[in-house]
Amino acid sequence: MNANARTMARRFARRFADLLDPALVTTLGALMLVGLATLYSAASDQPSHFTGQLRNFAFAGALMLGTAAIPPRLLLRAAVPVYAVGLLALLGVLVAGVSVNGARRWLDLGFTRFQPAEIMKLGVPLVLAWYFQKRAESLRTADFLVAFALVLVPVGLIARQPDLGTALLVLAAGFYVIFFAGLPWRWLAAMTAAALAALPLVWMFLHDYQRNRVLTLLDPSSDPLGKGFHTLQSMIAIGSGGMFGKGWMQGTQAHLEFIPERTTDFIFAVYSEEFGLIGNLVLLALFSMLVARALSIAQHAATPFGRLLAGSIAMILFTYAFVNMGMVSGILPVVGVPLPLISYGGTALTTIGIACGMLMAIQRHRPLVQS
């Protein structure tokens, strides 16, 4: 290799490294290794899952790097188009969506299917961060009402599919932006009271399977071989792990196929059985580091847009992990939320990859924006 080639290689490596946030990448890398190790054990009879997850990580990583190279001002400009495309796609699901297991959530493009609700997990925070950036100098009560409308329209369309789990995640993502934008505490108190008062009405409109999930949460032993099977088996696996776990590849609940969906929604039960309480504390520490780094990026962002978007992404990551661990542990209803970077699947990894790329873009361009 001649001197010019070496110089170009060093410049390329330097530019590539500049895209990355070391603390964020280190934490993501550790979680990815934990996820691959757990999946290798959980899918020991399905080796294609492991190789497929490697491809998913590679694709998500490429998206993360591509997004990290986008200046925040371009993300700001893309906010409204992304939200509009997502909203139109959700309307398209109502008209010509593909039904799977009684739920109409997918659009068939001929060469592939995709779930438009996934777009709104990032589209809603993007458009709200854009909106509050525009209104930062003259924020009024009406602005919060408009913001809630921007959230509730896609949430209503997603809930209608029905996909209550994703609807709640999109609602949470939007609420975080509104809260960080300065939502008055009296509004928060009034909304909490109204939500509690509306619970009986909400119960009336829930589908039977959604009601069963809540009832199963309250007493999973009422139907141990039916609706309560998922929750009971995952709780048994978590408890049997004890302090130090049974060891990697030694989990009996998983390898004897007592844990359903053990590579996706319930992979935390596999991890808990094999690595025990100590392993769970390590995993909680890694997720805490990930959320803390995202909040730090939000705190030091140079614009309201960057601050609100990064803060929302931080809390979305927290919500994903909290809801998944909660439902597997039996303290929350089963709503089909994967554990970030641990569960098998490309859709959630794609969203996480883009979200982490946005965090890196906000962090990387902060000095340039400030100057």
Protein backbone atom coordinates (compact mmCIF):
# COMPACT_ATOMS: atom_id res chain seq x y z
CA MET A 1 0.00 0.00 0.00
CA ASN A 2 1.53 3.32 -1.08
CA ALA A 3 1.59 6.50 0.99
CA ASN A 4 -1.46 8.04 -0.75
CA ALA A 5 -3.55 4.93 -0.14
CA ARG A 6 -2.55 4.87 3.53
CA THR A 7 -3.44 8.53 3.90
CA MET A 8 -6.84 8.03 2.30
CA ALA A 9 -7.48 4.99 4.52
CA ARG A 10 -6.62 7.00 7.63
CA ARG A 11 -8.92 9.84 6.55
CA PHE A 12 -11.76 7.40 5.88
CA ALA A 13 -11.25 5.70 9.26
CA ARG A 14 -11.18 9.11 11.00
CA ARG A 15 -14.41 10.22 9.33
CA PHE A 16 -16.02 6.89 10.14
CA ALA A 17 -14.96 7.17 13.78
CA ASP A 18 -16.27 10.75 13.96
CA LEU A 19 -19.77 9.46 13.27
CA LEU A 20 -19.75 7.29 16.37
CA ASP A 21 -20.35 8.23 19.98
CA PRO A 22 -17.92 6.02 21.96
CA ALA A 23 -20.07 5.64 25.08
CA LEU A 24 -23.20 4.87 23.09
CA VAL A 25 -21.46 2.42 20.76
CA THR A 26 -19.79 0.59 23.65
CA THR A 27 -23.10 0.11 25.46
CA LEU A 28 -24.89 -0.95 22.27
CA GLY A 29 -22.10 -3.40 21.50
CA ALA A 30 -22.33 -4.97 24.95
CA LEU A 31 -26.11 -5.36 24.65
CA MET A 32 -25.72 -6.87 21.18
CA LEU A 33 -23.27 -9.48 22.50
CA VAL A 34 -25.64 -10.34 25.35
CA GLY A 35 -28.48 -10.60 22.85
CA LEU A 36 -26.55 -12.88 20.49
CA ALA A 37 -25.41 -15.15 23.32
CA THR A 38 -28.96 -15.45 24.67
CA LEU A 39 -30.47 -15.99 21.23
CA TYR A 40 -27.89 -18.68 20.42
CA SER A 41 -29.11 -20.59 23.45
CA ALA A 42 -32.82 -19.86 22.99
CA ALA A 43 -32.71 -20.84 19.30
CA SER A 44 -30.34 -23.79 19.61
CA ASP A 45 -32.78 -25.87 17.55
CA GLN A 46 -33.22 -23.05 15.00
CA PRO A 47 -29.72 -21.97 13.86
CA SER A 48 -31.22 -19.84 11.10
CA HIS A 49 -32.45 -17.44 13.79
CA PHE A 50 -28.89 -16.72 14.91
CA THR A 51 -27.56 -16.08 11.42
CA GLY A 52 -30.67 -14.06 10.64
CA GLN A 53 -30.07 -11.90 13.70
CA LEU A 54 -26.50 -11.27 12.59
CA ARG A 55 -27.90 -9.92 9.32
CA ASN A 56 -30.44 -7.85 11.26
CA PHE A 57 -27.67 -6.32 13.37
CA ALA A 58 -25.61 -5.55 10.26
CA PHE A 59 -28.57 -3.86 8.58
CA ALA A 60 -29.50 -1.89 11.71
CA GLY A 61 -25.87 -0.85 12.14
CA ALA A 62 -25.70 0.41 8.57
CA LEU A 63 -28.89 2.42 9.12
CA MET A 64 -27.46 3.81 12.35
CA LEU A 65 -24.29 4.98 10.59
CA GLY A 66 -26.26 6.44 7.71
CA THR A 67 -28.56 8.33 10.05
CA ALA A 68 -25.62 9.51 12.18
CA ALA A 69 -24.18 11.23 9.09
CA ILE A 70 -27.35 13.30 8.58
CA PRO A 71 -27.16 16.82 10.07
CA PRO A 72 -29.94 17.60 12.57
CA ARG A 73 -31.20 20.41 10.33
CA LEU A 74 -32.04 17.80 7.67
CA LEU A 75 -33.79 15.65 10.28
CA LEU A 76 -35.79 18.75 11.14
CA ARG A 77 -36.82 19.20 7.51
CA ALA A 78 -37.71 15.52 7.19
CA ALA A 79 -40.00 15.51 10.25
CA VAL A 80 -43.24 16.56 8.54
CA PRO A 81 -42.76 14.35 5.43
CA VAL A 82 -42.00 11.29 7.60
CA TYR A 83 -45.08 11.92 9.74
CA ALA A 84 -47.26 12.53 6.67
CA VAL A 85 -46.07 9.36 4.92
CA GLY A 86 -46.66 7.34 8.08
CA LEU A 87 -50.16 8.78 8.47
CA LEU A 88 -51.06 8.04 4.86
CA ALA A 89 -49.72 4.51 5.25
CA LEU A 90 -51.90 3.98 8.34
CA LEU A 91 -54.93 5.16 6.35
CA GLY A 92 -53.86 2.74 3.61
CA VAL A 93 -53.95 -0.10 6.15
CA LEU A 94 -57.59 0.71 6.90
CA VAL A 95 -58.47 0.57 3.20
CA ALA A 96 -56.23 -2.18 1.79
CA GLY A 97 -54.30 -3.64 4.71
CA VAL A 98 -53.41 -7.33 5.00
CA SER A 99 -55.10 -9.20 7.85
CA VAL A 100 -53.00 -11.64 9.87
CA ASN A 101 -54.53 -13.53 12.81
CA GLY A 102 -57.52 -11.22 12.83
CA ALA A 103 -55.51 -7.98 12.91
CA ARG A 104 -55.08 -5.68 9.92
CA ARG A 105 -51.64 -4.13 10.47
CA TRP A 106 -49.66 -4.68 7.27
CA LEU A 107 -49.39 -3.19 3.81
CA ASP A 108 -48.45 -5.53 0.95
CA LEU A 109 -46.17 -3.79 -1.55
CA GLY A 110 -45.82 -6.86 -3.76
CA PHE A 111 -42.14 -7.45 -3.04
CA THR A 112 -42.49 -7.13 0.73
CA ARG A 113 -44.84 -6.33 3.59
CA PHE A 114 -44.29 -3.62 6.15
CA GLN A 115 -46.05 -2.36 9.25
CA PRO A 116 -46.74 1.42 8.97
CA ALA A 117 -47.19 1.71 12.74
CA GLU A 118 -43.42 1.28 13.10
CA ILE A 119 -42.87 4.51 11.17
CA MET A 120 -44.85 6.45 13.76
CA LYS A 121 -42.62 5.33 16.64
CA LEU A 122 -40.12 7.82 15.27
CA GLY A 123 -42.43 9.93 13.10
CA VAL A 124 -44.45 11.21 16.05
CA PRO A 125 -41.42 12.33 18.14
CA LEU A 126 -39.87 13.90 15.03
CA VAL A 127 -42.93 15.98 14.13
CA LEU A 128 -43.54 17.05 17.73
CA ALA A 129 -39.91 18.09 18.18
CA TRP A 130 -40.20 20.05 14.91
CA TYR A 131 -43.46 21.67 16.07
CA PHE A 132 -42.13 22.77 19.45
CA GLN A 133 -38.95 24.05 17.80
CA LYS A 134 -41.11 26.31 15.63
CA ARG A 135 -43.20 27.44 18.62
CA ALA A 136 -40.35 27.75 21.13
CA GLU A 137 -40.50 31.56 21.31
CA SER A 138 -44.26 31.83 21.87
CA LEU A 139 -45.49 28.59 23.43
CA ARG A 140 -49.16 28.74 24.47
CA THR A 141 -51.87 26.41 25.73
CA ALA A 142 -53.21 25.93 22.20
CA ASP A 143 -49.84 24.57 21.11
CA PHE A 144 -50.09 21.70 23.58
CA LEU A 145 -53.60 20.93 22.29
CA VAL A 146 -52.28 20.78 18.72
CA ALA A 147 -49.43 18.54 19.88
CA PHE A 148 -51.84 16.11 21.53
CA ALA A 149 -53.90 16.03 18.33
CA LEU A 150 -50.76 15.13 16.34
CA VAL A 151 -50.26 12.19 18.70
CA LEU A 152 -53.83 10.97 19.10
CA VAL A 153 -54.64 10.72 15.37
CA PRO A 154 -52.03 8.03 14.59
CA VAL A 155 -52.58 6.37 17.98
CA GLY A 156 -56.28 6.01 17.18
CA LEU A 157 -55.54 4.54 13.75
CA ILE A 158 -53.08 2.03 15.21
CA ALA A 159 -55.45 1.02 18.02
CA ARG A 160 -58.16 0.43 15.43
CA GLN A 161 -56.08 -2.26 13.63
CA PRO A 162 -56.10 -3.46 16.53
CA ASP A 163 -52.55 -3.14 17.88
CA LEU A 164 -52.86 -1.82 21.41
CA GLY A 165 -49.23 -2.48 22.31
CA THR A 166 -47.80 -0.38 19.47
CA ALA A 167 -50.48 2.28 20.02
CA LEU A 168 -49.38 2.65 23.63
CA LEU A 169 -45.71 2.88 22.60
CA VAL A 170 -46.47 5.61 20.05
CA LEU A 171 -48.60 7.42 22.65
CA ALA A 172 -45.74 7.22 25.15
CA ALA A 173 -43.21 8.48 22.58
CA GLY A 174 -45.38 11.49 21.83
CA PHE A 175 -46.13 12.18 25.48
CA TYR A 176 -42.42 12.28 26.34
CA VAL A 177 -41.83 15.07 23.81
CA ILE A 178 -44.81 17.05 25.10
CA PHE A 179 -43.68 16.58 28.70
CA PHE A 180 -40.10 17.69 27.96
CA ALA A 181 -41.47 20.67 26.03
CA GLY A 182 -42.92 22.04 29.27
CA LEU A 183 -46.31 20.43 29.83
CA PRO A 184 -47.75 22.10 32.96
CA TRP A 185 -47.98 19.83 36.00
CA ARG A 186 -51.63 20.75 36.52
CA TRP A 187 -52.34 19.35 33.04
CA LEU A 188 -50.50 16.17 33.94
CA ALA A 189 -52.53 15.80 37.14
CA ALA A 190 -55.80 16.42 35.28
CA MET A 191 -54.88 13.92 32.55
CA THR A 192 -54.01 11.28 35.13
CA ALA A 193 -57.33 11.77 36.91
CA ALA A 194 -59.22 11.66 33.60
CA ALA A 195 -57.42 8.48 32.53
CA LEU A 196 -58.28 6.75 35.80
CA ALA A 197 -61.91 7.85 35.53
CA ALA A 198 -62.09 6.58 31.93
CA LEU A 199 -60.84 3.08 32.73
CA PRO A 200 -64.34 1.55 32.93
CA LEU A 201 -65.21 3.07 29.54
CA VAL A 202 -61.92 1.86 28.03
CA TRP A 203 -62.66 -1.64 29.35
CA MET A 204 -65.94 -1.69 27.40
CA PHE A 205 -64.14 -1.02 24.11
CA LEU A 206 -61.35 -3.55 24.57
CA HIS A 207 -61.35 -6.69 22.45
CA ASP A 208 -61.88 -10.01 24.22
CA TYR A 209 -58.22 -11.03 23.88
CA GLN A 210 -57.14 -7.69 25.36
CA ARG A 211 -59.44 -8.15 28.35
CA ASN A 212 -58.12 -11.67 28.80
CA ARG A 213 -54.58 -10.34 28.98
CA VAL A 214 -55.52 -8.03 31.86
CA LEU A 215 -57.44 -10.77 33.68
CA THR A 216 -54.53 -13.16 33.18
CA LEU A 217 -52.19 -10.59 34.72
CA LEU A 218 -54.36 -10.46 37.83
CA ASP A 219 -54.58 -14.25 38.18
CA PRO A 220 -52.53 -16.30 35.69
CA SER A 221 -53.20 -19.49 37.65
CA SER A 222 -56.90 -19.31 36.73
CA ASP A 223 -56.03 -20.85 33.33
CA PRO A 224 -52.54 -22.37 33.73
CA LEU A 225 -52.63 -24.37 30.50
CA GLY A 226 -54.32 -21.69 28.41
CA LYS A 227 -54.24 -17.91 28.73
CA GLY A 228 -51.96 -17.94 31.78
CA PHE A 229 -49.42 -20.37 30.32
CA HIS A 230 -47.04 -17.70 28.95
CA THR A 231 -46.88 -15.74 32.17
CA LEU A 232 -46.61 -18.72 34.51
CA GLN A 233 -43.83 -20.43 32.54
CA SER A 234 -41.79 -17.24 32.23
CA MET A 235 -42.13 -16.59 35.97
CA ILE A 236 -41.03 -20.16 36.71
CA ALA A 237 -37.98 -19.67 34.47
CA ILE A 238 -37.03 -16.39 36.13
CA GLY A 239 -37.39 -17.87 39.61
CA SER A 240 -35.47 -21.05 38.79
CA GLY A 241 -32.45 -19.00 37.73
CA GLY A 242 -31.76 -18.11 41.35
CA MET A 243 -28.79 -15.89 42.19
CA PHE A 244 -26.25 -17.02 39.58
CA GLY A 245 -28.39 -18.85 37.02
CA LYS A 246 -28.14 -22.36 35.64
CA GLY A 247 -25.45 -21.46 33.15
CA TRP A 248 -25.36 -20.62 29.48
CA MET A 249 -27.19 -23.21 27.36
CA GLN A 250 -28.32 -24.99 30.55
CA GLY A 251 -31.81 -23.50 30.97
CA THR A 252 -34.33 -26.32 31.29
CA GLN A 253 -37.50 -24.25 30.80
CA ALA A 254 -36.20 -22.96 27.47
CA HIS A 255 -34.61 -26.12 26.10
CA LEU A 256 -37.55 -28.28 27.09
CA GLU A 257 -39.74 -25.77 25.22
CA PHE A 258 -41.87 -24.68 28.17
CA ILE A 259 -41.25 -21.00 27.40
CA PRO A 260 -43.35 -19.81 24.42
CA GLU A 261 -41.96 -17.18 22.04
CA ARG A 262 -38.60 -17.75 23.70
CA THR A 263 -36.60 -16.05 20.92
CA THR A 264 -38.76 -12.93 20.73
CA ASP A 265 -41.07 -11.47 23.37
CA PHE A 266 -40.08 -13.87 26.17
CA ILE A 267 -36.34 -14.07 25.62
CA PHE A 268 -35.79 -12.28 28.94
CA ALA A 269 -37.08 -15.42 30.69
CA VAL A 270 -34.41 -17.48 28.92
CA TYR A 271 -31.72 -14.99 29.94
CA SER A 272 -32.93 -14.87 33.55
CA GLU A 273 -32.93 -18.64 33.91
CA GLU A 274 -29.41 -19.01 32.56
CA PHE A 275 -27.74 -15.99 34.17
CA GLY A 276 -29.81 -15.45 37.31
CA LEU A 277 -30.20 -12.34 39.43
CA ILE A 278 -26.59 -11.27 38.89
CA GLY A 279 -27.05 -11.42 35.14
CA ASN A 280 -30.26 -9.43 35.40
CA LEU A 281 -28.50 -6.72 37.38
CA VAL A 282 -25.81 -6.54 34.68
CA LEU A 283 -28.48 -6.25 31.99
CA LEU A 284 -30.31 -3.55 33.94
CA ALA A 285 -27.03 -1.67 34.33
CA LEU A 286 -26.42 -1.80 30.57
CA PHE A 287 -29.89 -0.48 29.76
CA SER A 288 -29.47 2.22 32.42
CA MET A 289 -26.18 3.28 30.81
CA LEU A 290 -27.86 3.41 27.40
CA VAL A 291 -30.73 5.58 28.65
CA ALA A 292 -28.39 7.77 30.71
CA ARG A 293 -26.16 8.44 27.69
CA ALA A 294 -29.18 9.35 25.56
CA LEU A 295 -30.42 11.73 28.27
CA SER A 296 -26.96 13.29 28.47
CA ILE A 297 -27.03 13.91 24.72
CA ALA A 298 -30.46 15.49 25.13
CA GLN A 299 -29.25 17.70 27.96
CA HIS A 300 -26.36 19.08 25.91
CA ALA A 301 -28.21 19.43 22.61
CA ALA A 302 -27.91 22.89 21.06
CA THR A 303 -31.50 23.28 19.85
CA PRO A 304 -34.98 22.53 21.24
CA PHE A 305 -35.47 20.07 18.37
CA GLY A 306 -32.38 18.06 19.30
CA ARG A 307 -33.15 18.19 23.00
CA LEU A 308 -36.74 17.01 22.63
CA LEU A 309 -35.95 14.31 20.06
CA ALA A 310 -33.03 12.86 22.04
CA GLY A 311 -35.01 12.98 25.29
CA SER A 312 -37.90 11.15 23.69
CA ILE A 313 -35.60 8.48 22.22
CA ALA A 314 -34.04 7.94 25.66
CA MET A 315 -37.44 7.38 27.23
CA ILE A 316 -38.61 5.17 24.34
CA LEU A 317 -35.63 2.87 24.99
CA PHE A 318 -36.50 2.84 28.69
CA THR A 319 -40.17 2.07 27.93
CA TYR A 320 -39.30 -0.83 25.61
CA ALA A 321 -37.08 -2.46 28.24
CA PHE A 322 -39.42 -1.75 31.17
CA VAL A 323 -42.55 -3.03 29.42
CA ASN A 324 -40.88 -6.21 28.14
CA MET A 325 -39.30 -7.10 31.47
CA GLY A 326 -42.53 -6.21 33.24
CA MET A 327 -44.74 -8.44 31.09
CA VAL A 328 -42.29 -11.36 31.27
CA SER A 329 -42.08 -10.98 35.05
CA GLY A 330 -45.85 -10.93 35.42
CA ILE A 331 -46.27 -7.32 36.59
CA LEU A 332 -47.64 -5.99 33.27
CA PRO A 333 -50.04 -7.47 30.69
CA VAL A 334 -48.56 -9.30 27.70
CA VAL A 335 -48.58 -6.73 24.88
CA GLY A 336 -45.99 -8.08 22.45
CA VAL A 337 -43.13 -5.64 23.04
CA PRO A 338 -39.62 -7.00 22.26
CA LEU A 339 -36.59 -6.46 24.49
CA PRO A 340 -34.31 -3.98 22.67
CA LEU A 341 -31.21 -5.53 21.09
CA ILE A 342 -31.95 -8.88 22.78
CA SER A 343 -35.13 -10.21 21.12
CA TYR A 344 -34.96 -11.75 17.65
CA GLY A 345 -36.43 -9.68 14.84
CA GLY A 346 -35.48 -7.05 12.30
CA THR A 347 -38.34 -4.55 12.58
CA ALA A 348 -37.61 -3.38 16.12
CA LEU A 349 -33.85 -3.39 15.43
CA THR A 350 -34.39 -1.16 12.42
CA THR A 351 -36.25 1.39 14.56
CA ILE A 352 -33.60 1.23 17.29
CA GLY A 353 -30.78 1.58 14.77
CA ILE A 354 -32.29 4.71 13.23
CA ALA A 355 -33.07 6.14 16.68
CA CYS A 356 -29.49 5.63 17.90
CA GLY A 357 -28.21 7.16 14.66
CA MET A 358 -30.31 10.24 15.42
CA LEU A 359 -28.73 10.43 18.87
CA MET A 360 -25.26 10.31 17.33
CA ALA A 361 -26.20 12.96 14.75
CA ILE A 362 -27.43 15.29 17.50
CA GLN A 363 -24.26 14.71 19.55
CA ARG A 364 -21.88 14.95 16.59
CA HIS A 365 -23.26 18.18 15.18
CA ARG A 366 -23.72 19.91 18.50
CA PRO A 367 -20.36 21.79 18.41
CA LEU A 368 -20.98 22.84 14.79
CA VAL A 369 -24.43 24.17 15.61
CA GLN A 370 -23.19 26.02 18.68
CA SER A 371 -20.45 27.75 16.77
